[in-house]
Amino acid sequence: MQILMTGGTGLIGTRLLSRLPEGYHVTVLTRNLAEAELALGRRATWISSFNELPSLDGFDAVINLAGEPIADKRWSKEQKDRICQSRWQITEKLVDLCQRSQNPPKVFLSGSAVGYYGRQDEELISEYHRTPHDEFSHQLCHRWEQIALQAQSEHTRVCLLRTGIVLSRKGGALIKMLPAFRAGLGGRMGDGRQFMSWIHISDMMAAIRFLLETPDCQGPYNLTAPNPVTNQEFSETLASVLGRPCLFPMPGFVLKMLFGDMSELLLTGQRVIPTRLEEAGFHFQFQHLKPALENLLKS
């Protein structure tokens, strides 16, 4: 299988490159050729510009994961625009190449996030949910998905990867939380009642391969474990796995002072379940949080 990937140097992309079996050849579009080749070596062919691709003829699949990190900086007007355009523009270029192809890829997997639904309190949210909360995260993901869906045709199926919090010991949210929790200074954020929809990195990899290889799959898929938890439960479970107390909550007003509008990602959430993924026959290795954290932190 010939695959074109964007975002190949991020948390998900680098893990995927190391996990795809022989017989898969990946071409990765990246702005930092030298850095990517140094870090990831010969796991892929590296290109630095869409100008090297007159079309997507010759590719069986596209995996589109590129985008400015959403939670690394305060959300100024300029940063919000960077977050949006880094996703929308690359996806538009991929769709244009797909539409110009005589033999377009059979499958187009495009990134999205559970932020598509906006804040949703305690309601269980599947892919069939039809009333997202209209805020920045929804607007970002909605347009991102609408652009990707333009690649859909009788030749190409499009799968939208509505990803939750990816748990990994190599990066992402868990690594940012660990120093405080290992020092015994961890605790809930705000009132702790907001839900966190998470997925173990191994299940994330397996789900991507499943969608890549299952011809009947198309449309939106929640890439989250079947058992989301509140922030309070997540904090207590993480502290327990580390053998530390969970005594120091971070008040909501402090988070708002530190992170501005971006604090809404920490103080609100969605209780998301992977209904369509399980209906398609996918089975999770890590369905519950404690075994997932134990696997990552004790193995």
C-alpha atoms as a PDB file:
ATOM      1  CA  MET A   1       0.000   0.000   0.000  1.00  0.00           C
ATOM      2  CA  GLN A   2       1.325   3.421  -0.985  1.00  0.00           C
ATOM      3  CA  ILE A   3       0.382   6.061   1.610  1.00  0.00           C
ATOM      4  CA  LEU A   4       0.762   9.842   1.609  1.00  0.00           C
ATOM      5  CA  MET A   5       0.896  11.251   5.156  1.00  0.00           C
ATOM      6  CA  THR A   6       0.900  14.760   6.560  1.00  0.00           C
ATOM      7  CA  GLY A   7       1.762  15.362  10.208  1.00  0.00           C
ATOM      8  CA  GLY A   8       4.205  12.465  10.159  1.00  0.00           C
ATOM      9  CA  THR A   9       6.509  14.063  12.731  1.00  0.00           C
ATOM     10  CA  GLY A  10       3.814  14.541  15.394  1.00  0.00           C
ATOM     11  CA  LEU A  11       2.901  12.208  18.258  1.00  0.00           C
ATOM     12  CA  ILE A  12       0.477  10.091  16.241  1.00  0.00           C
ATOM     13  CA  GLY A  13       2.378  10.219  12.955  1.00  0.00           C
ATOM     14  CA  THR A  14       5.736   9.103  14.358  1.00  0.00           C
ATOM     15  CA  ARG A  15       4.142   6.186  16.228  1.00  0.00           C
ATOM     16  CA  LEU A  16       2.206   5.165  13.121  1.00  0.00           C
ATOM     17  CA  LEU A  17       5.339   5.183  10.983  1.00  0.00           C
ATOM     18  CA  SER A  18       6.993   2.767  13.394  1.00  0.00           C
ATOM     19  CA  ARG A  19       3.948   0.476  13.576  1.00  0.00           C
ATOM     20  CA  LEU A  20       2.872   0.033   9.955  1.00  0.00           C
ATOM     21  CA  PRO A  21       3.940  -3.413   8.703  1.00  0.00           C
ATOM     22  CA  GLU A  22       6.214  -4.208   5.763  1.00  0.00           C
ATOM     23  CA  GLY A  23       4.360  -3.811   2.510  1.00  0.00           C
ATOM     24  CA  TYR A  24       3.255  -0.298   3.412  1.00  0.00           C
ATOM     25  CA  HIS A  25       5.303   2.492   1.883  1.00  0.00           C
ATOM     26  CA  VAL A  26       4.746   5.955   3.333  1.00  0.00           C
ATOM     27  CA  THR A  27       5.589   9.302   1.746  1.00  0.00           C
ATOM     28  CA  VAL A  28       5.535  12.083   4.337  1.00  0.00           C
ATOM     29  CA  LEU A  29       5.039  15.758   3.578  1.00  0.00           C
ATOM     30  CA  THR A  30       6.991  17.837   6.091  1.00  0.00           C
ATOM     31  CA  ARG A  31       8.409  21.370   6.295  1.00  0.00           C
ATOM     32  CA  ASN A  32      11.539  20.164   8.136  1.00  0.00           C
ATOM     33  CA  LEU A  33      13.156  17.555   5.903  1.00  0.00           C
ATOM     34  CA  ALA A  34      16.525  17.397   7.669  1.00  0.00           C
ATOM     35  CA  GLU A  35      14.967  17.186  11.136  1.00  0.00           C
ATOM     36  CA  ALA A  36      12.493  14.485  10.055  1.00  0.00           C
ATOM     37  CA  GLU A  37      15.137  12.356   8.358  1.00  0.00           C
ATOM     38  CA  LEU A  38      17.429  12.661  11.377  1.00  0.00           C
ATOM     39  CA  ALA A  39      14.673  11.695  13.837  1.00  0.00           C
ATOM     40  CA  LEU A  40      12.878   9.022  11.827  1.00  0.00           C
ATOM     41  CA  GLY A  41      15.487   7.882   9.332  1.00  0.00           C
ATOM     42  CA  ARG A  42      14.401   5.665   6.496  1.00  0.00           C
ATOM     43  CA  ARG A  43      10.961   4.777   7.760  1.00  0.00           C
ATOM     44  CA  ALA A  44       9.500   6.911   4.975  1.00  0.00           C
ATOM     45  CA  THR A  45      10.162   8.917   1.850  1.00  0.00           C
ATOM     46  CA  TRP A  46      10.232  12.616   2.730  1.00  0.00           C
ATOM     47  CA  ILE A  47       9.032  15.505   0.593  1.00  0.00           C
ATOM     48  CA  SER A  48       8.846  19.171   1.527  1.00  0.00           C
ATOM     49  CA  SER A  49       6.313  20.643  -0.873  1.00  0.00           C
ATOM     50  CA  PHE A  50       3.031  19.908  -2.611  1.00  0.00           C
ATOM     51  CA  ASN A  51       4.829  21.047  -5.773  1.00  0.00           C
ATOM     52  CA  GLU A  52       6.438  17.601  -5.853  1.00  0.00           C
ATOM     53  CA  LEU A  53       2.977  16.071  -6.317  1.00  0.00           C
ATOM     54  CA  PRO A  54       1.137  16.865  -9.570  1.00  0.00           C
ATOM     55  CA  SER A  55      -1.668  14.565  -8.399  1.00  0.00           C
ATOM     56  CA  LEU A  56      -2.281  11.675  -6.003  1.00  0.00           C
ATOM     57  CA  ASP A  57      -2.092   9.032  -8.728  1.00  0.00           C
ATOM     58  CA  GLY A  58      -0.024   6.144  -7.403  1.00  0.00           C
ATOM     59  CA  PHE A  59      -1.199   6.542  -3.802  1.00  0.00           C
ATOM     60  CA  ASP A  60      -3.659   4.062  -2.308  1.00  0.00           C
ATOM     61  CA  ALA A  61      -4.352   6.131   0.814  1.00  0.00           C
ATOM     62  CA  VAL A  62      -3.972   9.554   2.389  1.00  0.00           C
ATOM     63  CA  ILE A  63      -3.544  10.040   6.152  1.00  0.00           C
ATOM     64  CA  ASN A  64      -3.926  13.734   6.955  1.00  0.00           C
ATOM     65  CA  LEU A  65      -2.762  14.555  10.502  1.00  0.00           C
ATOM     66  CA  ALA A  66      -1.102  17.966  10.065  1.00  0.00           C
ATOM     67  CA  GLY A  67      -1.914  20.983  12.184  1.00  0.00           C
ATOM     68  CA  GLU A  68      -0.541  23.562  14.611  1.00  0.00           C
ATOM     69  CA  PRO A  69      -0.791  22.156  18.190  1.00  0.00           C
ATOM     70  CA  ILE A  70      -4.040  23.418  19.665  1.00  0.00           C
ATOM     71  CA  ALA A  71      -3.075  23.608  23.347  1.00  0.00           C
ATOM     72  CA  ASP A  72       0.561  24.753  23.313  1.00  0.00           C
ATOM     73  CA  LYS A  73      -0.050  28.525  23.381  1.00  0.00           C
ATOM     74  CA  ARG A  74      -2.622  31.061  24.530  1.00  0.00           C
ATOM     75  CA  TRP A  75      -5.388  31.611  22.008  1.00  0.00           C
ATOM     76  CA  SER A  76      -4.670  35.052  20.646  1.00  0.00           C
ATOM     77  CA  LYS A  77      -6.519  36.018  17.473  1.00  0.00           C
ATOM     78  CA  GLU A  78      -3.330  35.265  15.527  1.00  0.00           C
ATOM     79  CA  GLN A  79      -2.832  31.886  17.207  1.00  0.00           C
ATOM     80  CA  LYS A  80      -6.428  30.845  16.518  1.00  0.00           C
ATOM     81  CA  ASP A  81      -5.887  31.727  12.871  1.00  0.00           C
ATOM     82  CA  ARG A  82      -2.676  29.654  12.763  1.00  0.00           C
ATOM     83  CA  ILE A  83      -4.487  26.694  14.346  1.00  0.00           C
ATOM     84  CA  CYS A  84      -7.251  26.908  11.748  1.00  0.00           C
ATOM     85  CA  GLN A  85      -5.259  27.660   8.613  1.00  0.00           C
ATOM     86  CA  SER A  86      -2.628  24.988   9.331  1.00  0.00           C
ATOM     87  CA  ARG A  87      -5.425  22.413   9.107  1.00  0.00           C
ATOM     88  CA  TRP A  88      -7.726  23.904   6.528  1.00  0.00           C
ATOM     89  CA  GLN A  89      -5.118  24.890   3.938  1.00  0.00           C
ATOM     90  CA  ILE A  90      -3.279  21.552   3.891  1.00  0.00           C
ATOM     91  CA  THR A  91      -6.569  19.667   3.673  1.00  0.00           C
ATOM     92  CA  GLU A  92      -7.725  21.904   0.804  1.00  0.00           C
ATOM     93  CA  LYS A  93      -4.504  21.159  -1.105  1.00  0.00           C
ATOM     94  CA  LEU A  94      -4.888  17.414  -0.569  1.00  0.00           C
ATOM     95  CA  VAL A  95      -8.493  17.523  -1.738  1.00  0.00           C
ATOM     96  CA  ASP A  96      -7.484  19.491  -4.836  1.00  0.00           C
ATOM     97  CA  LEU A  97      -4.798  16.914  -5.656  1.00  0.00           C
ATOM     98  CA  CYS A  98      -7.307  14.125  -5.093  1.00  0.00           C
ATOM     99  CA  GLN A  99      -9.806  15.724  -7.449  1.00  0.00           C
ATOM    100  CA  ARG A 100      -7.107  16.181 -10.107  1.00  0.00           C
ATOM    101  CA  SER A 101      -6.124  12.513  -9.994  1.00  0.00           C
ATOM    102  CA  GLN A 102      -7.019  10.044 -12.740  1.00  0.00           C
ATOM    103  CA  ASN A 103      -6.801   7.240 -10.170  1.00  0.00           C
ATOM    104  CA  PRO A 104      -7.384   8.872  -6.772  1.00  0.00           C
ATOM    105  CA  PRO A 105      -6.622   7.112  -3.485  1.00  0.00           C
ATOM    106  CA  LYS A 106      -9.164   4.580  -2.299  1.00  0.00           C
ATOM    107  CA  VAL A 107      -9.254   6.039   1.212  1.00  0.00           C
ATOM    108  CA  PHE A 108      -8.693   9.479   2.726  1.00  0.00           C
ATOM    109  CA  LEU A 109      -8.293   9.520   6.527  1.00  0.00           C
ATOM    110  CA  SER A 110      -8.483  13.070   7.829  1.00  0.00           C
ATOM    111  CA  GLY A 111      -7.854  14.348  11.323  1.00  0.00           C
ATOM    112  CA  SER A 112     -10.495  15.960  13.491  1.00  0.00           C
ATOM    113  CA  ALA A 113     -11.174  15.967  17.234  1.00  0.00           C
ATOM    114  CA  VAL A 114     -13.905  15.409  19.802  1.00  0.00           C
ATOM    115  CA  GLY A 115     -13.832  19.187  20.105  1.00  0.00           C
ATOM    116  CA  TYR A 116     -16.169  18.976  17.098  1.00  0.00           C
ATOM    117  CA  TYR A 117     -19.025  18.502  19.595  1.00  0.00           C
ATOM    118  CA  GLY A 118     -18.091  21.488  21.757  1.00  0.00           C
ATOM    119  CA  ARG A 119     -18.814  21.355  25.491  1.00  0.00           C
ATOM    120  CA  GLN A 120     -21.505  18.764  26.248  1.00  0.00           C
ATOM    121  CA  ASP A 121     -21.749  18.281  30.045  1.00  0.00           C
ATOM    122  CA  GLU A 122     -22.694  14.688  31.034  1.00  0.00           C
ATOM    123  CA  GLU A 123     -24.625  13.515  27.955  1.00  0.00           C
ATOM    124  CA  LEU A 124     -23.192  10.462  26.179  1.00  0.00           C
ATOM    125  CA  ILE A 125     -22.064  11.651  22.753  1.00  0.00           C
ATOM    126  CA  SER A 126     -21.815   9.287  19.778  1.00  0.00           C
ATOM    127  CA  GLU A 127     -21.200  10.106  16.137  1.00  0.00           C
ATOM    128  CA  TYR A 128     -24.985  10.324  15.704  1.00  0.00           C
ATOM    129  CA  HIS A 129     -25.157  13.399  17.956  1.00  0.00           C
ATOM    130  CA  ARG A 130     -26.631  16.331  16.023  1.00  0.00           C
ATOM    131  CA  THR A 131     -26.436  19.350  18.364  1.00  0.00           C
ATOM    132  CA  PRO A 132     -22.798  20.453  18.791  1.00  0.00           C
ATOM    133  CA  HIS A 133     -22.100  23.473  20.962  1.00  0.00           C
ATOM    134  CA  ASP A 134     -21.073  26.311  18.661  1.00  0.00           C
ATOM    135  CA  GLU A 135     -17.672  27.487  19.898  1.00  0.00           C
ATOM    136  CA  PHE A 136     -14.126  27.694  18.557  1.00  0.00           C
ATOM    137  CA  SER A 137     -13.291  23.974  18.751  1.00  0.00           C
ATOM    138  CA  HIS A 138     -16.492  23.063  16.901  1.00  0.00           C
ATOM    139  CA  GLN A 139     -15.982  25.735  14.228  1.00  0.00           C
ATOM    140  CA  LEU A 140     -12.392  24.563  13.709  1.00  0.00           C
ATOM    141  CA  CYS A 141     -13.299  20.887  13.347  1.00  0.00           C
ATOM    142  CA  HIS A 142     -16.533  21.416  11.416  1.00  0.00           C
ATOM    143  CA  ARG A 143     -14.838  23.301   8.595  1.00  0.00           C
ATOM    144  CA  TRP A 144     -11.862  20.912   8.651  1.00  0.00           C
ATOM    145  CA  GLU A 145     -14.237  17.991   8.156  1.00  0.00           C
ATOM    146  CA  GLN A 146     -16.294  19.749   5.478  1.00  0.00           C
ATOM    147  CA  ILE A 147     -13.152  20.387   3.446  1.00  0.00           C
ATOM    148  CA  ALA A 148     -12.017  16.754   3.782  1.00  0.00           C
ATOM    149  CA  LEU A 149     -15.410  15.434   2.690  1.00  0.00           C
ATOM    150  CA  GLN A 150     -14.921  17.120  -0.687  1.00  0.00           C
ATOM    151  CA  ALA A 151     -12.453  14.308  -1.469  1.00  0.00           C
ATOM    152  CA  GLN A 152     -15.274  11.765  -1.286  1.00  0.00           C
ATOM    153  CA  SER A 153     -16.314  10.125  -4.555  1.00  0.00           C
ATOM    154  CA  GLU A 154     -17.205   6.747  -6.014  1.00  0.00           C
ATOM    155  CA  HIS A 155     -13.444   6.084  -5.998  1.00  0.00           C
ATOM    156  CA  THR A 156     -12.505   7.515  -2.584  1.00  0.00           C
ATOM    157  CA  ARG A 157     -14.032   6.979   0.846  1.00  0.00           C
ATOM    158  CA  VAL A 158     -13.366   9.574   3.546  1.00  0.00           C
ATOM    159  CA  CYS A 159     -13.038   8.759   7.258  1.00  0.00           C
ATOM    160  CA  LEU A 160     -12.993  11.604   9.781  1.00  0.00           C
ATOM    161  CA  LEU A 161     -10.876  10.868  12.876  1.00  0.00           C
ATOM    162  CA  ARG A 162     -12.576  12.613  15.815  1.00  0.00           C
ATOM    163  CA  THR A 163      -9.740  12.002  18.243  1.00  0.00           C
ATOM    164  CA  GLY A 164      -9.854  12.331  22.024  1.00  0.00           C
ATOM    165  CA  ILE A 165      -6.947  12.786  24.444  1.00  0.00           C
ATOM    166  CA  VAL A 166      -4.242  10.404  23.236  1.00  0.00           C
ATOM    167  CA  LEU A 167      -2.425   8.812  26.177  1.00  0.00           C
ATOM    168  CA  SER A 168       1.231   8.113  25.446  1.00  0.00           C
ATOM    169  CA  ARG A 169       4.507   8.128  27.370  1.00  0.00           C
ATOM    170  CA  LYS A 170       6.191   9.813  24.385  1.00  0.00           C
ATOM    171  CA  GLY A 171       4.250  13.084  24.433  1.00  0.00           C
ATOM    172  CA  GLY A 172       0.839  14.709  24.600  1.00  0.00           C
ATOM    173  CA  ALA A 173      -1.318  15.640  27.584  1.00  0.00           C
ATOM    174  CA  LEU A 174      -0.189  12.820  29.901  1.00  0.00           C
ATOM    175  CA  ILE A 175       3.474  13.831  29.764  1.00  0.00           C
ATOM    176  CA  LYS A 176       2.548  17.423  30.634  1.00  0.00           C
ATOM    177  CA  MET A 177       0.604  16.218  33.701  1.00  0.00           C
ATOM    178  CA  LEU A 178       3.196  13.797  35.047  1.00  0.00           C
ATOM    179  CA  PRO A 179       5.684  16.151  36.764  1.00  0.00           C
ATOM    180  CA  ALA A 180       3.070  17.621  39.129  1.00  0.00           C
ATOM    181  CA  PHE A 181       1.461  14.249  39.863  1.00  0.00           C
ATOM    182  CA  ARG A 182       4.798  12.511  40.440  1.00  0.00           C
ATOM    183  CA  ALA A 183       5.672  15.267  42.914  1.00  0.00           C
ATOM    184  CA  GLY A 184       2.403  14.663  44.789  1.00  0.00           C
ATOM    185  CA  LEU A 185       1.069  18.049  43.676  1.00  0.00           C
ATOM    186  CA  GLY A 186      -1.561  16.869  41.209  1.00  0.00           C
ATOM    187  CA  GLY A 187      -5.299  17.339  41.426  1.00  0.00           C
ATOM    188  CA  ARG A 188      -8.461  18.067  39.502  1.00  0.00           C
ATOM    189  CA  MET A 189      -8.893  21.079  37.226  1.00  0.00           C
ATOM    190  CA  GLY A 190     -11.727  23.398  38.200  1.00  0.00           C
ATOM    191  CA  ASP A 191     -14.582  21.438  39.772  1.00  0.00           C
ATOM    192  CA  GLY A 192     -13.354  18.213  38.115  1.00  0.00           C
ATOM    193  CA  ARG A 193     -16.780  17.345  36.713  1.00  0.00           C
ATOM    194  CA  GLN A 194     -15.837  17.920  33.070  1.00  0.00           C
ATOM    195  CA  PHE A 195     -15.457  14.699  31.094  1.00  0.00           C
ATOM    196  CA  MET A 196     -12.218  13.564  29.482  1.00  0.00           C
ATOM    197  CA  SER A 197     -12.546  11.303  26.443  1.00  0.00           C
ATOM    198  CA  TRP A 198      -9.231   9.471  26.154  1.00  0.00           C
ATOM    199  CA  ILE A 199      -7.618   6.727  24.066  1.00  0.00           C
ATOM    200  CA  HIS A 200      -4.455   4.664  24.591  1.00  0.00           C
ATOM    201  CA  ILE A 201      -1.888   5.279  21.851  1.00  0.00           C
ATOM    202  CA  SER A 202      -1.887   1.564  20.924  1.00  0.00           C
ATOM    203  CA  ASP A 203      -5.644   1.609  20.346  1.00  0.00           C
ATOM    204  CA  MET A 204      -5.248   4.802  18.344  1.00  0.00           C
ATOM    205  CA  MET A 205      -2.784   3.040  16.039  1.00  0.00           C
ATOM    206  CA  ALA A 206      -5.007  -0.020  15.739  1.00  0.00           C
ATOM    207  CA  ALA A 207      -8.067   2.110  14.966  1.00  0.00           C
ATOM    208  CA  ILE A 208      -6.275   3.989  12.196  1.00  0.00           C
ATOM    209  CA  ARG A 209      -5.161   0.722  10.608  1.00  0.00           C
ATOM    210  CA  PHE A 210      -8.668  -0.676  10.996  1.00  0.00           C
ATOM    211  CA  LEU A 211     -10.193   2.292   9.151  1.00  0.00           C
ATOM    212  CA  LEU A 212      -7.441   2.173   6.559  1.00  0.00           C
ATOM    213  CA  GLU A 213      -8.062  -1.488   5.803  1.00  0.00           C
ATOM    214  CA  THR A 214     -11.863  -1.828   6.201  1.00  0.00           C
ATOM    215  CA  PRO A 215     -13.509  -0.897   2.872  1.00  0.00           C
ATOM    216  CA  ASP A 216     -16.988  -0.319   4.338  1.00  0.00           C
ATOM    217  CA  CYS A 217     -15.855   2.406   6.751  1.00  0.00           C
ATOM    218  CA  GLN A 218     -16.538   6.021   5.883  1.00  0.00           C
ATOM    219  CA  GLY A 219     -17.750   9.155   7.635  1.00  0.00           C
ATOM    220  CA  PRO A 220     -17.019  10.302  11.205  1.00  0.00           C
ATOM    221  CA  TYR A 221     -15.489   8.005  13.841  1.00  0.00           C
ATOM    222  CA  ASN A 222     -14.851   8.832  17.490  1.00  0.00           C
ATOM    223  CA  LEU A 223     -11.343   7.631  18.302  1.00  0.00           C
ATOM    224  CA  THR A 224     -11.889   7.408  22.046  1.00  0.00           C
ATOM    225  CA  ALA A 225     -12.053   4.531  24.532  1.00  0.00           C
ATOM    226  CA  PRO A 226     -15.572   3.298  25.419  1.00  0.00           C
ATOM    227  CA  ASN A 227     -15.327   4.587  29.000  1.00  0.00           C
ATOM    228  CA  PRO A 228     -14.678   8.325  29.305  1.00  0.00           C
ATOM    229  CA  VAL A 229     -14.097   9.650  32.829  1.00  0.00           C
ATOM    230  CA  THR A 230     -14.449  12.939  34.641  1.00  0.00           C
ATOM    231  CA  ASN A 231     -11.374  15.034  35.262  1.00  0.00           C
ATOM    232  CA  GLN A 232     -11.732  14.206  38.986  1.00  0.00           C
ATOM    233  CA  GLU A 233     -11.682  10.472  38.240  1.00  0.00           C
ATOM    234  CA  PHE A 234      -8.791  10.850  35.794  1.00  0.00           C
ATOM    235  CA  SER A 235      -6.762  12.783  38.371  1.00  0.00           C
ATOM    236  CA  GLU A 236      -7.454  10.293  41.164  1.00  0.00           C
ATOM    237  CA  THR A 237      -6.641   7.314  38.931  1.00  0.00           C
ATOM    238  CA  LEU A 238      -3.387   8.842  37.699  1.00  0.00           C
ATOM    239  CA  ALA A 239      -2.325   9.671  41.273  1.00  0.00           C
ATOM    240  CA  SER A 240      -3.209   6.143  42.407  1.00  0.00           C
ATOM    241  CA  VAL A 241      -1.206   4.483  39.616  1.00  0.00           C
ATOM    242  CA  LEU A 242       1.780   6.661  40.577  1.00  0.00           C
ATOM    243  CA  GLY A 243       1.290   5.970  44.291  1.00  0.00           C
ATOM    244  CA  ARG A 244       0.804   9.654  45.064  1.00  0.00           C
ATOM    245  CA  PRO A 245      -1.963  11.698  46.728  1.00  0.00           C
ATOM    246  CA  CYS A 246      -4.465  13.742  44.746  1.00  0.00           C
ATOM    247  CA  LEU A 247      -4.851  16.809  46.957  1.00  0.00           C
ATOM    248  CA  PHE A 248      -4.097  19.968  45.018  1.00  0.00           C
ATOM    249  CA  PRO A 249      -6.890  21.143  42.699  1.00  0.00           C
ATOM    250  CA  MET A 250      -6.196  23.870  40.169  1.00  0.00           C
ATOM    251  CA  PRO A 251      -8.986  26.457  40.499  1.00  0.00           C
ATOM    252  CA  GLY A 252     -10.769  27.426  37.316  1.00  0.00           C
ATOM    253  CA  PHE A 253     -10.014  31.137  37.709  1.00  0.00           C
ATOM    254  CA  VAL A 254      -6.287  30.384  37.887  1.00  0.00           C
ATOM    255  CA  LEU A 255      -6.443  28.362  34.661  1.00  0.00           C
ATOM    256  CA  LYS A 256      -8.303  31.233  33.002  1.00  0.00           C
ATOM    257  CA  MET A 257      -5.628  33.687  34.121  1.00  0.00           C
ATOM    258  CA  LEU A 258      -2.838  31.406  32.896  1.00  0.00           C
ATOM    259  CA  PHE A 259      -4.316  30.281  29.576  1.00  0.00           C
ATOM    260  CA  GLY A 260      -7.057  32.732  28.639  1.00  0.00           C
ATOM    261  CA  ASP A 261      -9.670  31.349  26.224  1.00  0.00           C
ATOM    262  CA  MET A 262      -7.621  28.169  25.769  1.00  0.00           C
ATOM    263  CA  SER A 263      -8.572  27.196  29.344  1.00  0.00           C
ATOM    264  CA  GLU A 264     -11.985  26.111  28.006  1.00  0.00           C
ATOM    265  CA  LEU A 265     -10.278  22.965  26.681  1.00  0.00           C
ATOM    266  CA  LEU A 266      -9.307  22.125  30.270  1.00  0.00           C
ATOM    267  CA  LEU A 267     -12.472  23.210  32.066  1.00  0.00           C
ATOM    268  CA  THR A 268     -15.119  21.846  29.685  1.00  0.00           C
ATOM    269  CA  GLY A 269     -15.377  18.521  27.917  1.00  0.00           C
ATOM    270  CA  GLN A 270     -17.418  15.853  26.199  1.00  0.00           C
ATOM    271  CA  ARG A 271     -18.471  12.368  27.281  1.00  0.00           C
ATOM    272  CA  VAL A 272     -17.707  10.738  23.936  1.00  0.00           C
ATOM    273  CA  ILE A 273     -18.155   7.065  23.045  1.00  0.00           C
ATOM    274  CA  PRO A 274     -16.915   5.231  19.896  1.00  0.00           C
ATOM    275  CA  THR A 275     -20.267   3.869  18.721  1.00  0.00           C
ATOM    276  CA  ARG A 276     -19.579   3.657  14.976  1.00  0.00           C
ATOM    277  CA  LEU A 277     -16.101   2.194  15.468  1.00  0.00           C
ATOM    278  CA  GLU A 278     -17.485  -0.618  17.616  1.00  0.00           C
ATOM    279  CA  GLU A 279     -20.428  -1.131  15.251  1.00  0.00           C
ATOM    280  CA  ALA A 280     -17.864  -1.689  12.480  1.00  0.00           C
ATOM    281  CA  GLY A 281     -16.255  -4.478  14.529  1.00  0.00           C
ATOM    282  CA  PHE A 282     -13.280  -2.751  16.151  1.00  0.00           C
ATOM    283  CA  HIS A 283     -12.215  -4.060  19.580  1.00  0.00           C
ATOM    284  CA  PHE A 284     -10.301  -1.943  22.094  1.00  0.00           C
ATOM    285  CA  GLN A 285      -7.335  -3.381  23.980  1.00  0.00           C
ATOM    286  CA  PHE A 286      -7.675  -0.714  26.691  1.00  0.00           C
ATOM    287  CA  GLN A 287     -11.314   0.007  27.522  1.00  0.00           C
ATOM    288  CA  HIS A 288     -10.734   1.356  31.052  1.00  0.00           C
ATOM    289  CA  LEU A 289      -8.434   4.100  32.272  1.00  0.00           C
ATOM    290  CA  LYS A 290      -6.538   2.387  35.094  1.00  0.00           C
ATOM    291  CA  PRO A 291      -5.160  -0.522  33.006  1.00  0.00           C
ATOM    292  CA  ALA A 292      -4.272   1.964  30.260  1.00  0.00           C
ATOM    293  CA  LEU A 293      -2.257   4.150  32.627  1.00  0.00           C
ATOM    294  CA  GLU A 294      -0.642   1.134  34.283  1.00  0.00           C
ATOM    295  CA  ASN A 295       0.471  -0.126  30.874  1.00  0.00           C
ATOM    296  CA  LEU A 296       1.993   3.229  29.973  1.00  0.00           C
ATOM    297  CA  LEU A 297       3.593   4.078  33.313  1.00  0.00           C
ATOM    298  CA  LYS A 298       4.620   0.725  34.765  1.00  0.00           C
ATOM    299  CA  SER A 299       5.701  -1.321  31.752  1.00  0.00           C
END
